[in-house]
Amino acid sequence: MVRSMSRKDRCADNARAEGFFGTLKEEFYNGRDWSQVGFDEFRGMLDCYLEWYVHGRLKAFREGGRTVYDTIAGRRRRLGYQV
């Protein structure tokens, strides 16, 4: 079995994943009392957050020397990718 991540202190290969999980913790998880939330309810709330993250949350993208604000789904559409 081979690990998928590189050695310690080599963060460039997983920087996007680390950034996403940091955002997820700050915007969704931290600052809430989860003690009364069951797993199914938590999973439903997480699904809603992820849907909003892709289709509703504005993000800054650098395109052609300017900053464009759009959703991740909107940018994918503009670039011709399936959403």
C-alpha atoms as a PDB file:
ATOM      1  CA  MET A   1       0.000   0.000   0.000  1.00  0.00           C
ATOM      2  CA  VAL A   2       1.309   3.472  -0.892  1.00  0.00           C
ATOM      3  CA  ARG A   3       0.317   6.741   0.782  1.00  0.00           C
ATOM      4  CA  SER A   4      -1.315   9.267  -1.498  1.00  0.00           C
ATOM      5  CA  MET A   5       0.260  12.301   0.187  1.00  0.00           C
ATOM      6  CA  SER A   6       3.895  13.257   0.031  1.00  0.00           C
ATOM      7  CA  ARG A   7       6.287  13.552   2.955  1.00  0.00           C
ATOM      8  CA  LYS A   8       5.716  15.946   5.826  1.00  0.00           C
ATOM      9  CA  ASP A   9       6.131  19.661   5.025  1.00  0.00           C
ATOM     10  CA  ARG A  10       5.289  19.145   1.330  1.00  0.00           C
ATOM     11  CA  CYS A  11       1.978  20.959   1.301  1.00  0.00           C
ATOM     12  CA  ALA A  12       1.868  22.185  -2.299  1.00  0.00           C
ATOM     13  CA  ASP A  13       0.295  18.944  -3.506  1.00  0.00           C
ATOM     14  CA  ASN A  14      -2.650  19.135  -1.098  1.00  0.00           C
ATOM     15  CA  ALA A  15      -2.969  22.885  -0.562  1.00  0.00           C
ATOM     16  CA  ARG A  16      -6.375  23.106  -2.247  1.00  0.00           C
ATOM     17  CA  ALA A  17      -7.806  20.330  -0.098  1.00  0.00           C
ATOM     18  CA  GLU A  18      -6.348  21.884   3.053  1.00  0.00           C
ATOM     19  CA  GLY A  19      -7.790  25.264   2.073  1.00  0.00           C
ATOM     20  CA  PHE A  20     -11.230  23.788   1.418  1.00  0.00           C
ATOM     21  CA  PHE A  21     -11.345  21.935   4.733  1.00  0.00           C
ATOM     22  CA  GLY A  22     -10.207  25.062   6.563  1.00  0.00           C
ATOM     23  CA  THR A  23     -13.036  27.018   4.942  1.00  0.00           C
ATOM     24  CA  LEU A  24     -15.496  24.220   5.709  1.00  0.00           C
ATOM     25  CA  LYS A  25     -14.536  24.255   9.387  1.00  0.00           C
ATOM     26  CA  GLU A  26     -14.717  28.051   9.661  1.00  0.00           C
ATOM     27  CA  GLU A  27     -17.971  28.581   7.755  1.00  0.00           C
ATOM     28  CA  PHE A  28     -19.898  25.447   8.656  1.00  0.00           C
ATOM     29  CA  TYR A  29     -18.559  23.575  11.671  1.00  0.00           C
ATOM     30  CA  ASN A  30     -16.909  25.926  14.174  1.00  0.00           C
ATOM     31  CA  GLY A  31     -19.018  28.074  16.475  1.00  0.00           C
ATOM     32  CA  ARG A  32     -22.019  25.751  16.588  1.00  0.00           C
ATOM     33  CA  ASP A  33     -23.270  23.387  19.243  1.00  0.00           C
ATOM     34  CA  TRP A  34     -23.456  20.006  17.529  1.00  0.00           C
ATOM     35  CA  SER A  35     -24.273  18.009  20.688  1.00  0.00           C
ATOM     36  CA  GLN A  36     -28.005  17.694  19.891  1.00  0.00           C
ATOM     37  CA  VAL A  37     -27.565  17.017  16.159  1.00  0.00           C
ATOM     38  CA  GLY A  38     -27.828  13.426  14.977  1.00  0.00           C
ATOM     39  CA  PHE A  39     -25.723  11.980  12.176  1.00  0.00           C
ATOM     40  CA  ASP A  40     -28.479  12.036   9.543  1.00  0.00           C
ATOM     41  CA  GLU A  41     -29.351  15.658  10.338  1.00  0.00           C
ATOM     42  CA  PHE A  42     -25.654  16.609  10.271  1.00  0.00           C
ATOM     43  CA  ARG A  43     -25.207  14.887   6.920  1.00  0.00           C
ATOM     44  CA  GLY A  44     -28.210  16.732   5.504  1.00  0.00           C
ATOM     45  CA  MET A  45     -26.883  20.072   6.753  1.00  0.00           C
ATOM     46  CA  LEU A  46     -23.457  19.289   5.297  1.00  0.00           C
ATOM     47  CA  ASP A  47     -25.022  18.386   1.924  1.00  0.00           C
ATOM     48  CA  CYS A  48     -26.849  21.736   1.916  1.00  0.00           C
ATOM     49  CA  TYR A  49     -23.623  23.572   2.750  1.00  0.00           C
ATOM     50  CA  LEU A  50     -21.723  21.823  -0.047  1.00  0.00           C
ATOM     51  CA  GLU A  51     -24.498  22.631  -2.521  1.00  0.00           C
ATOM     52  CA  TRP A  52     -24.322  26.307  -1.484  1.00  0.00           C
ATOM     53  CA  TYR A  53     -20.504  26.238  -1.612  1.00  0.00           C
ATOM     54  CA  VAL A  54     -20.536  25.219  -5.285  1.00  0.00           C
ATOM     55  CA  HIS A  55     -23.660  27.010  -6.547  1.00  0.00           C
ATOM     56  CA  GLY A  56     -24.170  30.004  -4.243  1.00  0.00           C
ATOM     57  CA  ARG A  57     -20.946  31.158  -2.632  1.00  0.00           C
ATOM     58  CA  LEU A  58     -19.122  33.901  -4.505  1.00  0.00           C
ATOM     59  CA  LYS A  59     -15.418  33.463  -5.018  1.00  0.00           C
ATOM     60  CA  ALA A  60     -12.793  35.703  -6.623  1.00  0.00           C
ATOM     61  CA  PHE A  61     -11.117  34.335  -9.758  1.00  0.00           C
ATOM     62  CA  ARG A  62      -8.259  35.963 -11.668  1.00  0.00           C
ATOM     63  CA  GLU A  63      -9.062  35.983 -15.385  1.00  0.00           C
ATOM     64  CA  GLY A  64      -7.171  37.963 -17.983  1.00  0.00           C
ATOM     65  CA  GLY A  65      -5.553  40.308 -15.485  1.00  0.00           C
ATOM     66  CA  ARG A  66      -8.782  41.198 -13.717  1.00  0.00           C
ATOM     67  CA  THR A  67     -10.719  39.829 -10.780  1.00  0.00           C
ATOM     68  CA  VAL A  68     -14.054  38.194 -11.551  1.00  0.00           C
ATOM     69  CA  TYR A  69     -16.502  37.240  -8.806  1.00  0.00           C
ATOM     70  CA  ASP A  70     -18.599  34.184  -9.556  1.00  0.00           C
ATOM     71  CA  THR A  71     -19.678  30.868  -8.086  1.00  0.00           C
ATOM     72  CA  ILE A  72     -17.617  27.758  -8.711  1.00  0.00           C
ATOM     73  CA  ALA A  73     -20.446  26.365 -10.852  1.00  0.00           C
ATOM     74  CA  GLY A  74     -20.674  29.620 -12.824  1.00  0.00           C
ATOM     75  CA  ARG A  75     -16.966  29.604 -13.547  1.00  0.00           C
ATOM     76  CA  ARG A  76     -17.086  25.982 -14.659  1.00  0.00           C
ATOM     77  CA  ARG A  77     -19.931  26.845 -17.034  1.00  0.00           C
ATOM     78  CA  ARG A  78     -17.992  29.800 -18.483  1.00  0.00           C
ATOM     79  CA  LEU A  79     -14.983  27.553 -19.049  1.00  0.00           C
ATOM     80  CA  GLY A  80     -17.151  24.929 -20.785  1.00  0.00           C
ATOM     81  CA  TYR A  81     -16.977  22.268 -18.076  1.00  0.00           C
ATOM     82  CA  GLN A  82     -19.957  20.202 -16.975  1.00  0.00           C
ATOM     83  CA  VAL A  83     -21.470  21.210 -13.650  1.00  0.00           C
END
